[in-house]
C-alpha atoms as a PDB file:
ATOM      1  CA  UNK A   1      20.090 -16.648  43.958  1.00  0.00           C
ATOM      2  CA  UNK A   2      23.226 -18.674  43.222  1.00  0.00           C
ATOM      3  CA  UNK A   3      25.991 -18.978  45.800  1.00  0.00           C
ATOM      4  CA  UNK A   4      27.493 -22.369  44.930  1.00  0.00           C
ATOM      5  CA  UNK A   5      29.033 -23.458  41.631  1.00  0.00           C
ATOM      6  CA  UNK A   6      31.321 -26.276  40.526  1.00  0.00           C
ATOM      7  CA  UNK A   7      34.297 -26.463  38.156  1.00  0.00           C
ATOM      8  CA  UNK A   8      35.429 -30.072  38.010  1.00  0.00           C
ATOM      9  CA  UNK A   9      37.660 -29.271  35.010  1.00  0.00           C
ATOM     10  CA  UNK A  10      41.105 -27.684  35.225  1.00  0.00           C
ATOM     11  CA  UNK A  11      42.121 -24.308  33.824  1.00  0.00           C
ATOM     12  CA  UNK A  12      43.779 -25.939  30.802  1.00  0.00           C
ATOM     13  CA  UNK A  13      40.439 -27.461  29.804  1.00  0.00           C
ATOM     14  CA  UNK A  14      38.765 -24.082  30.282  1.00  0.00           C
ATOM     15  CA  UNK A  15      41.432 -22.399  28.132  1.00  0.00           C
ATOM     16  CA  UNK A  16      40.866 -24.955  25.380  1.00  0.00           C
ATOM     17  CA  UNK A  17      37.093 -24.556  25.609  1.00  0.00           C
ATOM     18  CA  UNK A  18      37.250 -20.771  25.118  1.00  0.00           C
ATOM     19  CA  UNK A  19      40.441 -20.449  23.059  1.00  0.00           C
ATOM     20  CA  UNK A  20      42.362 -18.556  25.755  1.00  0.00           C
ATOM     21  CA  UNK A  21      45.943 -18.554  27.034  1.00  0.00           C
ATOM     22  CA  UNK A  22      47.222 -19.551  30.477  1.00  0.00           C
ATOM     23  CA  UNK A  23      50.038 -17.131  31.372  1.00  0.00           C
ATOM     24  CA  UNK A  24      48.043 -15.262  34.032  1.00  0.00           C
ATOM     25  CA  UNK A  25      46.757 -18.551  35.433  1.00  0.00           C
ATOM     26  CA  UNK A  26      50.285 -19.935  35.785  1.00  0.00           C
ATOM     27  CA  UNK A  27      51.466 -16.769  37.526  1.00  0.00           C
ATOM     28  CA  UNK A  28      48.510 -16.922  39.917  1.00  0.00           C
ATOM     29  CA  UNK A  29      49.199 -20.576  40.686  1.00  0.00           C
ATOM     30  CA  UNK A  30      52.773 -19.706  41.629  1.00  0.00           C
ATOM     31  CA  UNK A  31      51.677 -16.898  43.946  1.00  0.00           C
ATOM     32  CA  UNK A  32      49.031 -19.080  45.573  1.00  0.00           C
ATOM     33  CA  UNK A  33      51.496 -21.964  45.995  1.00  0.00           C
ATOM     34  CA  UNK A  34      53.803 -19.649  47.931  1.00  0.00           C
ATOM     35  CA  UNK A  35      50.874 -18.482  50.055  1.00  0.00           C
ATOM     36  CA  UNK A  36      49.889 -22.085  50.753  1.00  0.00           C
ATOM     37  CA  UNK A  37      53.428 -22.916  51.864  1.00  0.00           C
ATOM     38  CA  UNK A  38      53.367 -19.955  54.263  1.00  0.00           C
ATOM     39  CA  UNK A  39      49.936 -20.818  55.642  1.00  0.00           C
ATOM     40  CA  UNK A  40      50.794 -24.498  56.112  1.00  0.00           C
ATOM     41  CA  UNK A  41      53.913 -23.500  58.054  1.00  0.00           C
ATOM     42  CA  UNK A  42      51.762 -21.333  60.328  1.00  0.00           C
ATOM     43  CA  UNK A  43      49.387 -24.242  60.799  1.00  0.00           C
ATOM     44  CA  UNK A  44      52.210 -26.570  61.797  1.00  0.00           C
ATOM     45  CA  UNK A  45      53.388 -24.043  64.364  1.00  0.00           C
ATOM     46  CA  UNK A  46      49.846 -23.455  65.623  1.00  0.00           C
ATOM     47  CA  UNK A  47      47.314 -26.260  64.972  1.00  0.00           C
ATOM     48  CA  UNK A  48      44.491 -23.797  65.713  1.00  0.00           C
ATOM     49  CA  UNK A  49      45.489 -21.676  62.719  1.00  0.00           C
ATOM     50  CA  UNK A  50      42.773 -22.206  60.099  1.00  0.00           C
ATOM     51  CA  UNK A  51      43.565 -22.480  56.402  1.00  0.00           C
ATOM     52  CA  UNK A  52      40.876 -22.445  53.714  1.00  0.00           C
ATOM     53  CA  UNK A  53      41.713 -24.040  50.375  1.00  0.00           C
ATOM     54  CA  UNK A  54      39.778 -21.216  48.737  1.00  0.00           C
ATOM     55  CA  UNK A  55      42.338 -18.715  50.049  1.00  0.00           C
ATOM     56  CA  UNK A  56      45.415 -20.585  48.859  1.00  0.00           C
ATOM     57  CA  UNK A  57      44.392 -22.409  45.675  1.00  0.00           C
ATOM     58  CA  UNK A  58      42.829 -21.653  42.337  1.00  0.00           C
ATOM     59  CA  UNK A  59      39.224 -22.868  42.133  1.00  0.00           C
ATOM     60  CA  UNK A  60      39.709 -25.608  39.521  1.00  0.00           C
ATOM     61  CA  UNK A  61      39.276 -29.395  39.571  1.00  0.00           C
ATOM     62  CA  UNK A  62      36.873 -28.711  42.427  1.00  0.00           C
ATOM     63  CA  UNK A  63      33.301 -29.845  43.043  1.00  0.00           C
ATOM     64  CA  UNK A  64      31.952 -26.962  45.106  1.00  0.00           C
ATOM     65  CA  UNK A  65      32.887 -23.271  44.979  1.00  0.00           C
ATOM     66  CA  UNK A  66      31.065 -21.182  47.626  1.00  0.00           C
ATOM     67  CA  UNK A  67      30.647 -17.464  47.014  1.00  0.00           C
ATOM     68  CA  UNK A  68      31.010 -16.631  50.711  1.00  0.00           C
ATOM     69  CA  UNK A  69      34.604 -17.972  50.687  1.00  0.00           C
ATOM     70  CA  UNK A  70      35.627 -15.316  48.121  1.00  0.00           C
ATOM     71  CA  UNK A  71      37.424 -17.942  46.016  1.00  0.00           C
ATOM     72  CA  UNK A  72      40.016 -17.267  43.311  1.00  0.00           C
ATOM     73  CA  UNK A  73      37.985 -18.213  40.225  1.00  0.00           C
ATOM     74  CA  UNK A  74      38.967 -18.825  36.615  1.00  0.00           C
ATOM     75  CA  UNK A  75      37.210 -16.164  34.537  1.00  0.00           C
ATOM     76  CA  UNK A  76      36.841 -15.532  30.802  1.00  0.00           C
ATOM     77  CA  UNK A  77      36.898 -11.908  29.640  1.00  0.00           C
ATOM     78  CA  UNK A  78      37.570 -10.139  26.361  1.00  0.00           C
ATOM     79  CA  UNK A  79      41.310 -10.652  26.932  1.00  0.00           C
ATOM     80  CA  UNK A  80      43.286 -13.372  25.158  1.00  0.00           C
ATOM     81  CA  UNK A  81      44.250 -14.630  28.624  1.00  0.00           C
ATOM     82  CA  UNK A  82      42.135 -16.428  31.195  1.00  0.00           C
ATOM     83  CA  UNK A  83      41.775 -14.235  34.262  1.00  0.00           C
ATOM     84  CA  UNK A  84      41.748 -14.937  37.998  1.00  0.00           C
ATOM     85  CA  UNK A  85      39.091 -13.017  39.912  1.00  0.00           C
ATOM     86  CA  UNK A  86      37.550 -13.041  43.359  1.00  0.00           C
ATOM     87  CA  UNK A  87      33.849 -13.929  43.633  1.00  0.00           C
ATOM     88  CA  UNK A  88      32.132 -10.930  45.207  1.00  0.00           C
ATOM     89  CA  UNK A  89      32.368  -7.709  43.243  1.00  0.00           C
ATOM     90  CA  UNK A  90      34.293  -4.787  44.730  1.00  0.00           C
ATOM     91  CA  UNK A  91      33.389  -1.594  42.821  1.00  0.00           C
ATOM     92  CA  UNK A  92      36.421   0.473  41.891  1.00  0.00           C
ATOM     93  CA  UNK A  93      35.039   3.439  43.866  1.00  0.00           C
ATOM     94  CA  UNK A  94      34.625   1.438  47.087  1.00  0.00           C
ATOM     95  CA  UNK A  95      36.369   2.589  50.254  1.00  0.00           C
ATOM     96  CA  UNK A  96      38.263   0.195  52.506  1.00  0.00           C
ATOM     97  CA  UNK A  97      35.452   0.173  55.073  1.00  0.00           C
ATOM     98  CA  UNK A  98      32.971  -0.601  52.276  1.00  0.00           C
ATOM     99  CA  UNK A  99      34.960  -3.680  51.280  1.00  0.00           C
ATOM    100  CA  UNK A 100      34.940  -4.945  54.854  1.00  0.00           C
ATOM    101  CA  UNK A 101      31.152  -4.514  54.961  1.00  0.00           C
ATOM    102  CA  UNK A 102      30.711  -6.288  51.616  1.00  0.00           C
ATOM    103  CA  UNK A 103      32.679  -9.238  53.027  1.00  0.00           C
ATOM    104  CA  UNK A 104      30.777  -9.276  56.299  1.00  0.00           C
ATOM    105  CA  UNK A 105      27.333  -9.085  54.695  1.00  0.00           C
ATOM    106  CA  UNK A 106      28.098 -11.280  51.641  1.00  0.00           C
ATOM    107  CA  UNK A 107      27.119  -8.504  49.254  1.00  0.00           C
ATOM    108  CA  UNK A 108      27.579  -8.288  45.483  1.00  0.00           C
ATOM    109  CA  UNK A 109      27.769 -12.036  44.860  1.00  0.00           C
ATOM    110  CA  UNK A 110      24.760 -11.963  42.492  1.00  0.00           C
ATOM    111  CA  UNK A 111      23.185  -9.301  40.265  1.00  0.00           C
ATOM    112  CA  UNK A 112      19.634  -9.429  38.921  1.00  0.00           C
ATOM    113  CA  UNK A 113      19.396  -9.168  35.138  1.00  0.00           C
ATOM    114  CA  UNK A 114      16.232  -7.087  35.539  1.00  0.00           C
ATOM    115  CA  UNK A 115      18.094  -4.251  37.319  1.00  0.00           C
ATOM    116  CA  UNK A 116      21.371  -4.411  35.406  1.00  0.00           C
ATOM    117  CA  UNK A 117      20.818  -1.134  33.563  1.00  0.00           C
ATOM    118  CA  UNK A 118      19.567   0.975  36.455  1.00  0.00           C
ATOM    119  CA  UNK A 119      21.083  -0.195  39.731  1.00  0.00           C
ATOM    120  CA  UNK A 120      24.521   0.839  41.002  1.00  0.00           C
ATOM    121  CA  UNK A 121      27.158  -0.516  40.450  1.00  0.00           C
ATOM    122  CA  UNK A 122      25.884  -2.733  37.621  1.00  0.00           C
ATOM    123  CA  UNK A 123      24.868   0.229  35.460  1.00  0.00           C
ATOM    124  CA  UNK A 124      28.492   1.355  35.421  1.00  0.00           C
ATOM    125  CA  UNK A 125      29.810  -2.046  34.333  1.00  0.00           C
ATOM    126  CA  UNK A 126      27.492  -3.687  31.808  1.00  0.00           C
ATOM    127  CA  UNK A 127      28.681  -1.730  28.720  1.00  0.00           C
ATOM    128  CA  UNK A 128      32.369  -2.700  28.941  1.00  0.00           C
ATOM    129  CA  UNK A 129      33.008  -5.038  31.903  1.00  0.00           C
ATOM    130  CA  UNK A 130      31.171  -8.213  30.950  1.00  0.00           C
ATOM    131  CA  UNK A 131      32.715 -11.605  31.653  1.00  0.00           C
ATOM    132  CA  UNK A 132      31.978 -15.324  31.627  1.00  0.00           C
ATOM    133  CA  UNK A 133      32.111 -17.589  34.667  1.00  0.00           C
ATOM    134  CA  UNK A 134      32.956 -21.087  33.382  1.00  0.00           C
ATOM    135  CA  UNK A 135      31.343 -23.869  35.413  1.00  0.00           C
ATOM    136  CA  UNK A 136      30.498 -27.545  35.209  1.00  0.00           C
ATOM    137  CA  UNK A 137      27.416 -27.125  37.382  1.00  0.00           C
ATOM    138  CA  UNK A 138      25.710 -25.183  40.153  1.00  0.00           C
ATOM    139  CA  UNK A 139      23.679 -25.866  43.291  1.00  0.00           C
ATOM    140  CA  UNK A 140      20.270 -24.489  44.312  1.00  0.00           C
ATOM    141  CA  UNK A 141      18.093 -25.342  47.337  1.00  0.00           C
ATOM    142  CA  UNK A 142      14.588 -26.795  47.270  1.00  0.00           C
ATOM    143  CA  UNK A 143      12.482 -25.890  50.293  1.00  0.00           C
ATOM    144  CA  UNK A 144      10.753 -28.977  51.742  1.00  0.00           C
ATOM    145  CA  UNK A 145       7.370 -28.882  53.541  1.00  0.00           C
ATOM    146  CA  UNK A 146       9.122 -29.087  56.929  1.00  0.00           C
ATOM    147  CA  UNK A 147      11.141 -25.963  56.120  1.00  0.00           C
ATOM    148  CA  UNK A 148      14.421 -27.784  55.556  1.00  0.00           C
ATOM    149  CA  UNK A 149      16.305 -27.527  52.262  1.00  0.00           C
ATOM    150  CA  UNK A 150      17.420 -30.238  49.880  1.00  0.00           C
ATOM    151  CA  UNK A 151      20.024 -29.034  47.410  1.00  0.00           C
ATOM    152  CA  UNK A 152      19.964 -29.984  43.730  1.00  0.00           C
ATOM    153  CA  UNK A 153      22.954 -30.005  41.412  1.00  0.00           C
ATOM    154  CA  UNK A 154      22.274 -28.726  37.895  1.00  0.00           C
ATOM    155  CA  UNK A 155      24.327 -29.240  34.731  1.00  0.00           C
ATOM    156  CA  UNK A 156      23.734 -29.023  30.991  1.00  0.00           C
ATOM    157  CA  UNK A 157      23.041 -32.120  28.929  1.00  0.00           C
ATOM    158  CA  UNK A 158      25.396 -31.342  26.045  1.00  0.00           C
ATOM    159  CA  UNK A 159      28.158 -29.127  27.521  1.00  0.00           C
ATOM    160  CA  UNK A 160      30.643 -30.271  30.142  1.00  0.00           C
ATOM    161  CA  UNK A 161      31.876 -26.705  30.701  1.00  0.00           C
ATOM    162  CA  UNK A 162      29.249 -24.017  30.260  1.00  0.00           C
ATOM    163  CA  UNK A 163      29.021 -20.252  30.656  1.00  0.00           C
ATOM    164  CA  UNK A 164      27.344 -18.082  33.268  1.00  0.00           C
ATOM    165  CA  UNK A 165      27.187 -14.359  32.536  1.00  0.00           C
ATOM    166  CA  UNK A 166      28.938 -11.985  34.909  1.00  0.00           C
ATOM    167  CA  UNK A 167      30.296  -8.481  35.379  1.00  0.00           C
ATOM    168  CA  UNK A 168      33.730  -7.587  36.714  1.00  0.00           C
ATOM    169  CA  UNK A 169      35.628  -4.621  38.102  1.00  0.00           C
ATOM    170  CA  UNK A 170      39.079  -3.743  39.440  1.00  0.00           C
ATOM    171  CA  UNK A 171      39.610  -2.137  42.846  1.00  0.00           C
ATOM    172  CA  UNK A 172      42.873  -0.717  44.165  1.00  0.00           C
ATOM    173  CA  UNK A 173      43.589  -1.110  47.874  1.00  0.00           C
ATOM    174  CA  UNK A 174      44.396   2.456  48.993  1.00  0.00           C
ATOM    175  CA  UNK A 175      46.775   1.211  51.688  1.00  0.00           C
ATOM    176  CA  UNK A 176      48.817  -1.423  49.867  1.00  0.00           C
ATOM    177  CA  UNK A 177      48.260  -0.435  46.241  1.00  0.00           C
ATOM    178  CA  UNK A 178      47.226  -4.037  45.488  1.00  0.00           C
ATOM    179  CA  UNK A 179      44.825  -4.370  42.569  1.00  0.00           C
ATOM    180  CA  UNK A 180      41.949  -6.799  43.085  1.00  0.00           C
ATOM    181  CA  UNK A 181      39.824  -8.008  40.190  1.00  0.00           C
ATOM    182  CA  UNK A 182      36.431  -9.337  41.217  1.00  0.00           C
ATOM    183  CA  UNK A 183      33.150 -10.393  39.640  1.00  0.00           C
ATOM    184  CA  UNK A 184      29.438 -10.780  40.238  1.00  0.00           C
ATOM    185  CA  UNK A 185      27.249 -13.574  38.845  1.00  0.00           C
ATOM    186  CA  UNK A 186      24.101 -12.522  36.962  1.00  0.00           C
ATOM    187  CA  UNK A 187      20.764 -14.216  37.643  1.00  0.00           C
ATOM    188  CA  UNK A 188      17.469 -14.314  35.744  1.00  0.00           C
ATOM    189  CA  UNK A 189      13.973 -15.498  36.496  1.00  0.00           C
ATOM    190  CA  UNK A 190      13.890 -19.286  36.757  1.00  0.00           C
ATOM    191  CA  UNK A 191      12.653 -21.507  33.950  1.00  0.00           C
ATOM    192  CA  UNK A 192       9.969 -24.108  34.732  1.00  0.00           C
ATOM    193  CA  UNK A 193      12.451 -26.749  35.930  1.00  0.00           C
ATOM    194  CA  UNK A 194      14.358 -24.345  38.145  1.00  0.00           C
ATOM    195  CA  UNK A 195      11.098 -22.988  39.613  1.00  0.00           C
ATOM    196  CA  UNK A 196      10.406 -26.495  40.897  1.00  0.00           C
ATOM    197  CA  UNK A 197      13.851 -26.646  42.471  1.00  0.00           C
ATOM    198  CA  UNK A 198      14.475 -23.114  43.751  1.00  0.00           C
ATOM    199  CA  UNK A 199      11.107 -22.537  45.417  1.00  0.00           C
ATOM    200  CA  UNK A 200      12.004 -20.806  48.690  1.00  0.00           C
ATOM    201  CA  UNK A 201      14.418 -18.672  50.646  1.00  0.00           C
ATOM    202  CA  UNK A 202      14.962 -14.922  50.371  1.00  0.00           C
ATOM    203  CA  UNK A 203      15.178 -14.945  46.564  1.00  0.00           C
ATOM    204  CA  UNK A 204      13.135 -17.857  45.198  1.00  0.00           C
ATOM    205  CA  UNK A 205      12.485 -18.685  41.542  1.00  0.00           C
ATOM    206  CA  UNK A 206      15.874 -17.465  40.327  1.00  0.00           C
ATOM    207  CA  UNK A 207      18.659 -19.141  38.344  1.00  0.00           C
ATOM    208  CA  UNK A 208      22.067 -18.177  36.908  1.00  0.00           C
ATOM    209  CA  UNK A 209      22.052 -16.487  33.516  1.00  0.00           C
ATOM    210  CA  UNK A 210      23.445 -19.293  31.375  1.00  0.00           C
ATOM    211  CA  UNK A 211      24.759 -18.170  28.002  1.00  0.00           C
ATOM    212  CA  UNK A 212      24.189 -20.263  24.905  1.00  0.00           C
ATOM    213  CA  UNK A 213      27.279 -20.927  22.738  1.00  0.00           C
ATOM    214  CA  UNK A 214      25.924 -18.340  20.292  1.00  0.00           C
ATOM    215  CA  UNK A 215      25.549 -15.750  23.065  1.00  0.00           C
ATOM    216  CA  UNK A 216      29.046 -16.248  24.503  1.00  0.00           C
ATOM    217  CA  UNK A 217      30.890 -14.344  21.781  1.00  0.00           C
ATOM    218  CA  UNK A 218      28.313 -11.548  21.775  1.00  0.00           C
ATOM    219  CA  UNK A 219      28.478 -11.201  25.564  1.00  0.00           C
ATOM    220  CA  UNK A 220      32.227 -10.555  25.347  1.00  0.00           C
ATOM    221  CA  UNK A 221      32.066  -8.444  22.177  1.00  0.00           C
ATOM    222  CA  UNK A 222      33.230  -4.869  23.015  1.00  0.00           C
ATOM    223  CA  UNK A 223      31.143  -3.572  20.111  1.00  0.00           C
ATOM    224  CA  UNK A 224      27.937  -4.634  21.883  1.00  0.00           C
ATOM    225  CA  UNK A 225      27.312  -1.536  24.019  1.00  0.00           C
ATOM    226  CA  UNK A 226      23.635  -0.603  23.696  1.00  0.00           C
ATOM    227  CA  UNK A 227      21.103  -1.495  26.362  1.00  0.00           C
ATOM    228  CA  UNK A 228      18.880  -3.168  23.794  1.00  0.00           C
ATOM    229  CA  UNK A 229      21.624  -5.428  22.442  1.00  0.00           C
ATOM    230  CA  UNK A 230      22.743  -6.516  25.915  1.00  0.00           C
ATOM    231  CA  UNK A 231      19.159  -6.999  27.132  1.00  0.00           C
ATOM    232  CA  UNK A 232      18.547  -9.301  24.160  1.00  0.00           C
ATOM    233  CA  UNK A 233      21.220 -11.646  25.543  1.00  0.00           C
ATOM    234  CA  UNK A 234      19.633 -11.905  28.997  1.00  0.00           C
ATOM    235  CA  UNK A 235      17.199 -14.639  28.021  1.00  0.00           C
ATOM    236  CA  UNK A 236      16.159 -17.491  30.314  1.00  0.00           C
ATOM    237  CA  UNK A 237      17.965 -20.726  29.456  1.00  0.00           C
ATOM    238  CA  UNK A 238      15.658 -23.522  28.186  1.00  0.00           C
ATOM    239  CA  UNK A 239      14.931 -26.275  30.698  1.00  0.00           C
ATOM    240  CA  UNK A 240      15.001 -29.047  28.081  1.00  0.00           C
ATOM    241  CA  UNK A 241      18.772 -28.581  27.770  1.00  0.00           C
ATOM    242  CA  UNK A 242      19.341 -28.934  31.531  1.00  0.00           C
ATOM    243  CA  UNK A 243      19.329 -31.776  34.041  1.00  0.00           C
ATOM    244  CA  UNK A 244      19.377 -31.811  37.835  1.00  0.00           C
ATOM    245  CA  UNK A 245      19.433 -34.237  40.753  1.00  0.00           C
ATOM    246  CA  UNK A 246      19.472 -34.046  44.563  1.00  0.00           C
ATOM    247  CA  UNK A 247      22.802 -34.166  46.400  1.00  0.00           C
ATOM    248  CA  UNK A 248      23.807 -34.856  49.982  1.00  0.00           C
ATOM    249  CA  UNK A 249      22.670 -32.470  52.689  1.00  0.00           C
ATOM    250  CA  UNK A 250      26.083 -31.089  53.688  1.00  0.00           C
ATOM    251  CA  UNK A 251      27.586 -30.936  50.210  1.00  0.00           C
ATOM    252  CA  UNK A 252      29.518 -27.759  51.043  1.00  0.00           C
ATOM    253  CA  UNK A 253      31.245 -29.177  54.130  1.00  0.00           C
ATOM    254  CA  UNK A 254      34.459 -31.159  54.151  1.00  0.00           C
ATOM    255  CA  UNK A 255      36.732 -31.810  51.194  1.00  0.00           C
ATOM    256  CA  UNK A 256      35.633 -29.740  48.146  1.00  0.00           C
ATOM    257  CA  UNK A 257      37.661 -32.038  45.869  1.00  0.00           C
ATOM    258  CA  UNK A 258      35.461 -35.033  46.728  1.00  0.00           C
ATOM    259  CA  UNK A 259      33.528 -36.203  43.666  1.00  0.00           C
ATOM    260  CA  UNK A 260      30.868 -37.537  46.027  1.00  0.00           C
ATOM    261  CA  UNK A 261      29.644 -33.957  46.434  1.00  0.00           C
ATOM    262  CA  UNK A 262      27.828 -34.132  43.093  1.00  0.00           C
ATOM    263  CA  UNK A 263      26.687 -37.753  43.280  1.00  0.00           C
ATOM    264  CA  UNK A 264      22.891 -38.172  43.373  1.00  0.00           C
ATOM    265  CA  UNK A 265      21.081 -39.151  46.570  1.00  0.00           C
ATOM    266  CA  UNK A 266      17.489 -40.153  47.268  1.00  0.00           C
ATOM    267  CA  UNK A 267      14.967 -37.407  46.613  1.00  0.00           C
ATOM    268  CA  UNK A 268      13.189 -36.424  49.828  1.00  0.00           C
ATOM    269  CA  UNK A 269      10.209 -35.087  47.900  1.00  0.00           C
ATOM    270  CA  UNK A 270       9.170 -35.868  44.324  1.00  0.00           C
ATOM    271  CA  UNK A 271       9.217 -32.492  42.598  1.00  0.00           C
ATOM    272  CA  UNK A 272       8.565 -33.804  39.112  1.00  0.00           C
ATOM    273  CA  UNK A 273      11.871 -33.263  37.356  1.00  0.00           C
END
């Protein structure tokens, strides 16, 4: 499955890429800036107080975005505005205790394309709640003979910012009334290149559902509502348009704004890319 992406571009570049506006993004930045100021003040008063950048900043100009951190991601929907959504879908019918369990167990980060039309909650969302997750790359592990993992960073050859298919929903906190928009990333069977990379773990031989430029508009088109039309968009992306290389072992530790995260390192095993 896919739990780490990258968006080394800023929201303005994403807006230009998809022809969207930035009003919601600017409002979110302001709210997050105020939260960061509050959290930094707490940290000064108590050095043991932990602050995650994923809680207080928009996930842009950043080299690793981990799903488990529930980051505030830049999302493209059918709206004229870019959206800000949390990674990790919260179904609108979820109870408060359900949300806590989803967080604890890292649920609803990925959705399999093969079960989109039959499995709850995806079957409730695919007709009208489709979205695009803009990224500049993603990370998947390769299982080595000794059982350890070497991560590979994958991008597209001809698109700096590209599109991963997703679904979104809006949940209302019954206690505070706060509305939370969240999303799940869709995966497909891996192509030949990604099978070489993502060869182990609990869900091997998977990859994100990357949309072609031609598929992007159709994926967001509200007129596309039949199972057959949506299924036709869930194709496996061709390996010849992708490239990948190994990255450092602890790429998801430390400063997520460090460009060194995506720099290539020596391959521990030749996997024939």
